[in-house]
Amino acid sequence: MLRVLFAGSPAIAVPALEALVADGVLVGLLTNPDSPRGRSGKPEPTECSVALERGQTLPIPVLKLEKLDSAAREQVEALKPDILVSFAYGKIFGPKFLGLFPMGGINIHPSLLPKYRGPTPIPAAILNRETETGITIQRLAAEMDSGDILAQETVPLDGRETTESLSLTMAKKAAELLPPLLSRLALGNQQERPQDHGAASYCSLIAKADGLIDWNMSAKEIDARIRAFTPWPLSWTMHGDLQLLILKAQALGSDGNEARPGEVLGKDKNKGILIQTGEGILAVSELQYRTKKALEWKAFLNGARNFIGERLGVGI
């Protein structure tokens, strides 16, 4: 039986971690140190750490390491792992560290590699309005997300996914693919295929400022950004001096009016508040002033009776 060290931190990695626990192959968790979260700023453990420590009758070591230095390598070596499995860990593994694992390391990446190498493949697929994406398990390599492919599965997209909902799908897919792959690796009958590096594309980190809505964009582009930036950093605009979060919306066609981008045109009883964009109309069904609670559009209009006719946007 393989001895697996799992490296992961956020919620998307938890189902894969739990699958390893269920199979009895996990010898340790490598995760990020506790960090401040929420309004209190109190340091809290990662989602993977919480999941592993919850309900365990036999404790499994949790390594919360700042650096993967010589001291870290000593701790890992003591666990006698055969293979490293990484999913959204966020640190680079050097050759000395990978040398601790007789069977090397593998990485779970939520895209159809070589497409969308990098840190944000799920938002990237939504932003680019892809009709499909997927999940890949690959060999860890010196260049980011460039290792040989061990397993890959396509996931169709219907155009209403958010980063939050698609992350849940990818988390479940990872947990399904990982155990049988490890079994094949243990038996030595797993095939590998190199990536087509010439077809590689890349995605970059998302910043909080990316959530600002540019109403000159098309309704379809804005809708994609709203979905891609849920749950973080969220999409927002300004209503006068108030920051307004646009939480749920859908793109509609143009009705031929000459309204300015960002202008609140009216309402549709089935689809929500209608806002003009650079191309088409955005129907908003859920929104929230930054200091208030999220509201369904009808309740929002009850408290903002002069909202229709206003123009939204920074510097308006």
Protein backbone atom coordinates (compact mmCIF):
# COMPACT_ATOMS: atom_id res chain seq x y z
CA MET A 1 0.00 0.00 0.00
CA LEU A 2 1.26 3.46 -0.91
CA ARG A 3 2.16 5.93 1.79
CA VAL A 4 0.88 9.34 0.65
CA LEU A 5 1.74 12.83 1.85
CA PHE A 6 -0.99 15.23 0.75
CA ALA A 7 -0.21 18.93 0.21
CA GLY A 8 -3.24 21.20 0.14
CA SER A 9 -4.95 24.03 1.97
CA PRO A 10 -8.32 25.35 0.64
CA ALA A 11 -11.75 23.77 0.56
CA ILE A 12 -11.42 22.55 -3.03
CA ALA A 13 -8.77 20.06 -1.87
CA VAL A 14 -10.78 18.60 1.03
CA PRO A 15 -12.70 15.82 -0.83
CA ALA A 16 -9.44 14.46 -2.32
CA LEU A 17 -7.87 14.54 1.13
CA GLU A 18 -10.84 12.71 2.62
CA ALA A 19 -10.65 10.09 -0.13
CA LEU A 20 -7.06 9.34 0.89
CA VAL A 21 -8.10 9.06 4.52
CA ALA A 22 -10.89 6.65 3.57
CA ASP A 23 -8.42 4.49 1.63
CA GLY A 24 -6.02 4.38 4.59
CA VAL A 25 -3.03 5.61 2.56
CA LEU A 26 -2.52 9.08 4.08
CA VAL A 27 0.54 9.42 6.32
CA GLY A 28 0.50 13.20 6.68
CA LEU A 29 -0.91 16.55 5.57
CA LEU A 30 1.29 19.40 4.40
CA THR A 31 -0.71 22.62 4.64
CA ASN A 32 -0.25 26.34 5.09
CA PRO A 33 0.18 27.81 8.58
CA ASP A 34 -2.82 29.29 10.39
CA SER A 35 -3.58 32.77 9.05
CA PRO A 36 -5.83 35.71 10.04
CA ARG A 37 -9.36 35.52 8.63
CA GLY A 38 -12.62 37.38 8.91
CA ARG A 39 -13.28 40.63 10.70
CA SER A 40 -11.69 39.45 13.93
CA GLY A 41 -8.34 38.80 12.27
CA LYS A 42 -7.92 35.73 14.45
CA PRO A 43 -5.51 33.13 13.01
CA GLU A 44 -7.44 30.11 11.77
CA PRO A 45 -6.32 26.78 10.31
CA THR A 46 -6.77 25.91 6.64
CA GLU A 47 -9.86 24.05 5.48
CA CYS A 48 -7.76 20.93 4.87
CA SER A 49 -6.36 21.07 8.38
CA VAL A 50 -9.82 21.42 9.89
CA ALA A 51 -11.19 18.57 7.79
CA LEU A 52 -8.38 16.19 8.75
CA GLU A 53 -8.49 16.96 12.43
CA ARG A 54 -12.28 16.60 12.58
CA GLY A 55 -13.40 13.17 13.74
CA GLN A 56 -10.03 11.41 13.48
CA THR A 57 -9.66 8.58 15.99
CA LEU A 58 -6.05 7.95 14.96
CA PRO A 59 -4.24 11.29 14.57
CA ILE A 60 -2.46 11.92 11.28
CA PRO A 61 0.44 14.41 11.39
CA VAL A 62 -0.35 17.91 10.11
CA LEU A 63 2.71 19.86 8.98
CA LYS A 64 2.07 23.62 8.89
CA LEU A 65 5.37 24.69 7.40
CA GLU A 66 6.38 28.26 6.52
CA LYS A 67 9.23 27.08 4.30
CA LEU A 68 10.19 23.82 2.64
CA ASP A 69 13.74 24.02 3.96
CA SER A 70 16.05 21.41 5.46
CA ALA A 71 14.10 21.34 8.73
CA ALA A 72 10.89 20.77 6.79
CA ARG A 73 12.50 17.99 4.79
CA GLU A 74 13.51 16.24 8.01
CA GLN A 75 9.89 16.26 9.21
CA VAL A 76 8.62 14.92 5.90
CA GLU A 77 11.32 12.25 5.67
CA ALA A 78 10.33 10.94 9.10
CA LEU A 79 6.90 10.05 7.71
CA LYS A 80 8.48 7.73 5.11
CA PRO A 81 6.11 8.74 2.29
CA ASP A 82 6.19 7.01 -1.09
CA ILE A 83 4.50 9.75 -3.10
CA LEU A 84 3.45 13.40 -2.83
CA VAL A 85 -0.04 14.43 -3.93
CA SER A 86 -0.57 18.19 -4.27
CA PHE A 87 -3.79 20.13 -4.81
CA ALA A 88 -3.92 23.92 -4.43
CA TYR A 89 -1.03 23.97 -1.98
CA GLY A 90 0.47 27.20 -3.30
CA LYS A 91 4.21 26.60 -2.85
CA ILE A 92 6.89 25.42 -5.27
CA PHE A 93 8.48 22.03 -4.58
CA GLY A 94 12.21 22.02 -5.20
CA PRO A 95 14.25 19.02 -6.36
CA LYS A 96 15.57 18.28 -2.85
CA PHE A 97 12.05 18.15 -1.47
CA LEU A 98 10.72 15.98 -4.30
CA GLY A 99 13.72 13.70 -3.81
CA LEU A 100 12.14 12.56 -0.53
CA PHE A 101 9.47 10.63 -2.44
CA PRO A 102 10.56 7.38 -4.17
CA MET A 103 7.59 7.64 -6.55
CA GLY A 104 7.85 11.39 -7.06
CA GLY A 105 4.95 13.79 -6.91
CA ILE A 106 1.67 14.40 -8.70
CA ASN A 107 -0.52 17.49 -8.87
CA ILE A 108 -4.26 17.98 -9.34
CA HIS A 109 -5.11 20.93 -11.57
CA PRO A 110 -8.70 22.03 -12.38
CA SER A 111 -8.35 22.61 -16.12
CA LEU A 112 -7.78 20.63 -19.30
CA LEU A 113 -4.02 21.04 -19.37
CA PRO A 114 -2.14 22.41 -21.19
CA LYS A 115 -4.96 24.99 -21.17
CA TYR A 116 -4.98 27.47 -18.28
CA ARG A 117 -1.75 26.68 -16.53
CA GLY A 118 -1.42 28.85 -13.46
CA PRO A 119 -3.22 29.81 -10.24
CA THR A 120 -6.77 30.64 -11.41
CA PRO A 121 -7.95 28.09 -14.01
CA ILE A 122 -11.56 27.96 -12.79
CA PRO A 123 -12.25 31.72 -13.01
CA ALA A 124 -10.36 31.79 -16.33
CA ALA A 125 -12.69 29.24 -17.90
CA ILE A 126 -15.74 31.24 -16.76
CA LEU A 127 -14.30 34.61 -17.84
CA ASN A 128 -13.61 33.25 -21.31
CA ARG A 129 -17.09 31.70 -21.52
CA GLU A 130 -15.78 28.25 -22.29
CA THR A 131 -18.29 25.52 -23.13
CA GLU A 132 -16.16 22.94 -21.32
CA THR A 133 -13.27 22.67 -18.93
CA GLY A 134 -11.97 19.78 -16.87
CA ILE A 135 -9.60 18.38 -14.31
CA THR A 136 -6.12 16.97 -14.83
CA ILE A 137 -3.77 14.95 -12.65
CA GLN A 138 -0.19 15.44 -13.82
CA ARG A 139 3.35 14.73 -12.77
CA LEU A 140 4.98 17.53 -10.80
CA ALA A 141 7.62 19.16 -13.00
CA ALA A 142 10.11 22.00 -12.74
CA GLU A 143 7.96 24.28 -14.90
CA MET A 144 4.52 25.10 -13.48
CA ASP A 145 1.72 22.73 -14.57
CA SER A 146 3.85 21.27 -17.37
CA GLY A 147 4.22 17.66 -16.21
CA ASP A 148 3.08 14.55 -18.05
CA ILE A 149 -0.66 13.86 -17.83
CA LEU A 150 -1.75 10.82 -15.83
CA ALA A 151 -5.53 11.31 -15.82
CA GLN A 152 -7.92 13.86 -17.28
CA GLU A 153 -11.69 14.32 -17.37
CA THR A 154 -13.77 16.86 -19.28
CA VAL A 155 -16.52 18.85 -17.52
CA PRO A 156 -19.21 20.51 -19.71
CA LEU A 157 -20.26 24.05 -18.80
CA ASP A 158 -23.77 25.49 -19.17
CA GLY A 159 -22.80 29.14 -18.82
CA ARG A 160 -24.30 29.67 -15.37
CA GLU A 161 -21.43 28.34 -13.25
CA THR A 162 -19.74 30.49 -10.64
CA THR A 163 -16.22 29.91 -9.38
CA GLU A 164 -17.82 28.69 -6.17
CA SER A 165 -20.11 26.12 -7.83
CA LEU A 166 -17.52 24.95 -10.35
CA SER A 167 -14.95 24.52 -7.57
CA LEU A 168 -17.34 22.12 -5.82
CA THR A 169 -17.67 20.12 -9.03
CA MET A 170 -13.89 19.98 -9.49
CA ALA A 171 -13.37 18.97 -5.86
CA LYS A 172 -15.70 15.98 -6.30
CA LYS A 173 -14.07 14.99 -9.61
CA ALA A 174 -10.63 15.05 -7.99
CA ALA A 175 -11.80 12.77 -5.20
CA GLU A 176 -13.18 10.31 -7.79
CA LEU A 177 -10.08 10.27 -10.01
CA LEU A 178 -7.35 10.15 -7.38
CA PRO A 179 -7.77 6.75 -5.58
CA PRO A 180 -7.91 4.56 -8.73
CA LEU A 181 -4.97 6.49 -10.19
CA LEU A 182 -2.89 5.83 -7.09
CA SER A 183 -3.81 2.15 -7.31
CA ARG A 184 -2.59 2.00 -10.90
CA LEU A 185 0.64 3.77 -9.95
CA ALA A 186 1.21 1.27 -7.13
CA LEU A 187 0.78 -1.59 -9.60
CA GLY A 188 3.05 0.08 -12.15
CA ASN A 189 0.50 0.04 -14.96
CA GLN A 190 -0.34 3.74 -15.25
CA GLN A 191 0.40 5.31 -18.62
CA GLU A 192 1.61 8.90 -18.94
CA ARG A 193 1.46 11.27 -21.89
CA PRO A 194 3.40 14.49 -22.37
CA GLN A 195 1.59 17.77 -22.74
CA ASP A 196 1.56 19.71 -25.98
CA HIS A 197 3.58 22.66 -24.70
CA GLY A 198 2.95 24.61 -27.90
CA ALA A 199 -0.76 24.66 -27.06
CA ALA A 200 -0.27 25.94 -23.51
CA SER A 201 -2.21 28.94 -22.24
CA TYR A 202 -1.89 30.67 -18.89
CA CYS A 203 -3.99 32.39 -16.24
CA SER A 204 -2.87 34.89 -13.64
CA LEU A 205 -3.77 35.89 -10.11
CA ILE A 206 -6.97 37.85 -9.55
CA ALA A 207 -6.81 41.12 -7.61
CA LYS A 208 -9.52 42.70 -5.50
CA ALA A 209 -9.64 45.63 -7.91
CA ASP A 210 -10.67 43.29 -10.74
CA GLY A 211 -14.16 43.21 -9.26
CA LEU A 212 -14.93 46.76 -10.41
CA ILE A 213 -17.59 46.64 -13.14
CA ASP A 214 -16.93 48.53 -16.37
CA TRP A 215 -20.42 49.18 -17.72
CA ASN A 216 -18.97 49.84 -21.18
CA MET A 217 -18.33 46.09 -21.46
CA SER A 218 -21.03 43.91 -22.97
CA ALA A 219 -23.70 42.33 -20.79
CA LYS A 220 -22.24 38.89 -21.54
CA GLU A 221 -18.77 39.98 -20.41
CA ILE A 222 -20.09 41.53 -17.20
CA ASP A 223 -22.21 38.46 -16.45
CA ALA A 224 -19.14 36.24 -16.88
CA ARG A 225 -17.11 38.43 -14.54
CA ILE A 226 -19.83 38.39 -11.88
CA ARG A 227 -19.84 34.57 -11.98
CA ALA A 228 -16.05 34.26 -12.15
CA PHE A 229 -15.58 36.58 -9.16
CA THR A 230 -18.04 34.72 -6.91
CA PRO A 231 -17.19 34.20 -4.06
CA TRP A 232 -14.13 36.49 -4.35
CA PRO A 233 -13.48 39.35 -4.94
CA LEU A 234 -17.14 39.86 -5.96
CA SER A 235 -18.24 42.35 -8.61
CA TRP A 236 -19.15 45.87 -7.62
CA THR A 237 -20.06 49.31 -8.86
CA MET A 238 -20.90 52.69 -7.31
CA HIS A 239 -24.36 54.10 -6.71
CA GLY A 240 -23.51 57.65 -5.89
CA ASP A 241 -21.20 57.42 -2.87
CA LEU A 242 -22.28 53.88 -1.99
CA GLN A 243 -20.48 50.72 -3.07
CA LEU A 244 -22.97 48.29 -4.57
CA LEU A 245 -22.23 44.58 -5.03
CA ILE A 246 -23.87 42.86 -8.01
CA LEU A 247 -24.21 39.27 -6.86
CA LYS A 248 -26.42 37.53 -9.43
CA ALA A 249 -27.34 38.57 -12.95
CA GLN A 250 -27.86 37.39 -16.51
CA ALA A 251 -27.22 38.94 -19.90
CA LEU A 252 -30.13 39.93 -22.13
CA GLY A 253 -30.17 41.18 -25.71
CA SER A 254 -30.38 44.85 -26.61
CA ASP A 255 -33.78 46.51 -26.95
CA GLY A 256 -32.44 49.23 -29.23
CA ASN A 257 -32.62 52.06 -26.69
CA GLU A 258 -30.04 54.83 -26.51
CA ALA A 259 -29.44 54.72 -22.77
CA ARG A 260 -25.94 55.24 -21.42
CA PRO A 261 -23.90 52.33 -19.99
CA GLY A 262 -24.66 51.93 -16.30
CA GLU A 263 -28.15 53.44 -16.52
CA VAL A 264 -30.87 51.62 -14.59
CA LEU A 265 -33.63 51.19 -17.17
CA GLY A 266 -36.39 49.53 -15.20
CA LYS A 267 -37.38 46.07 -14.09
CA ASP A 268 -38.54 42.76 -15.50
CA LYS A 269 -40.91 40.87 -13.20
CA ASN A 270 -39.18 37.56 -13.98
CA LYS A 271 -35.55 38.57 -14.42
CA GLY A 272 -34.85 41.56 -12.18
CA ILE A 273 -33.47 45.08 -12.44
CA LEU A 274 -32.46 46.03 -15.99
CA ILE A 275 -29.18 47.91 -16.46
CA GLN A 276 -27.78 49.15 -19.75
CA THR A 277 -24.28 48.01 -20.73
CA GLY A 278 -22.01 48.76 -23.66
CA GLU A 279 -23.80 45.98 -25.55
CA GLY A 280 -27.05 44.48 -24.31
CA ILE A 281 -28.86 44.68 -21.01
CA LEU A 282 -27.88 43.08 -17.70
CA ALA A 283 -30.76 41.76 -15.58
CA VAL A 284 -29.73 41.83 -11.92
CA SER A 285 -31.53 39.49 -9.53
CA GLU A 286 -29.49 39.87 -6.33
CA LEU A 287 -27.46 42.83 -5.06
CA GLN A 288 -26.09 44.32 -1.87
CA TYR A 289 -24.80 47.60 -0.54
CA ARG A 290 -21.40 46.89 1.00
CA THR A 291 -22.53 47.57 4.58
CA LYS A 292 -25.95 45.92 4.23
CA LYS A 293 -27.24 42.40 3.68
CA ALA A 294 -27.72 40.77 0.27
CA LEU A 295 -31.22 41.24 -1.15
CA GLU A 296 -33.36 39.75 -3.89
CA TRP A 297 -34.08 42.51 -6.42
CA LYS A 298 -37.69 43.20 -5.41
CA ALA A 299 -36.75 43.68 -1.75
CA PHE A 300 -33.85 45.89 -2.83
CA LEU A 301 -36.14 48.19 -4.83
CA ASN A 302 -38.52 48.45 -1.88
CA GLY A 303 -35.72 50.11 0.06
CA ALA A 304 -34.29 52.11 -2.87
CA ARG A 305 -37.41 53.56 -4.48
CA ASN A 306 -35.55 56.08 -6.66
CA PHE A 307 -33.06 53.53 -7.98
CA ILE A 308 -34.64 53.19 -11.43
CA GLY A 309 -33.34 55.99 -13.63
CA GLU A 310 -30.06 56.28 -11.75
CA ARG A 311 -26.72 55.75 -13.45
CA LEU A 312 -24.20 53.42 -11.84
CA GLY A 313 -20.43 53.61 -12.06
CA VAL A 314 -17.25 55.12 -10.68
CA GLY A 315 -16.98 58.85 -11.29
CA ILE A 316 -20.55 59.12 -12.63
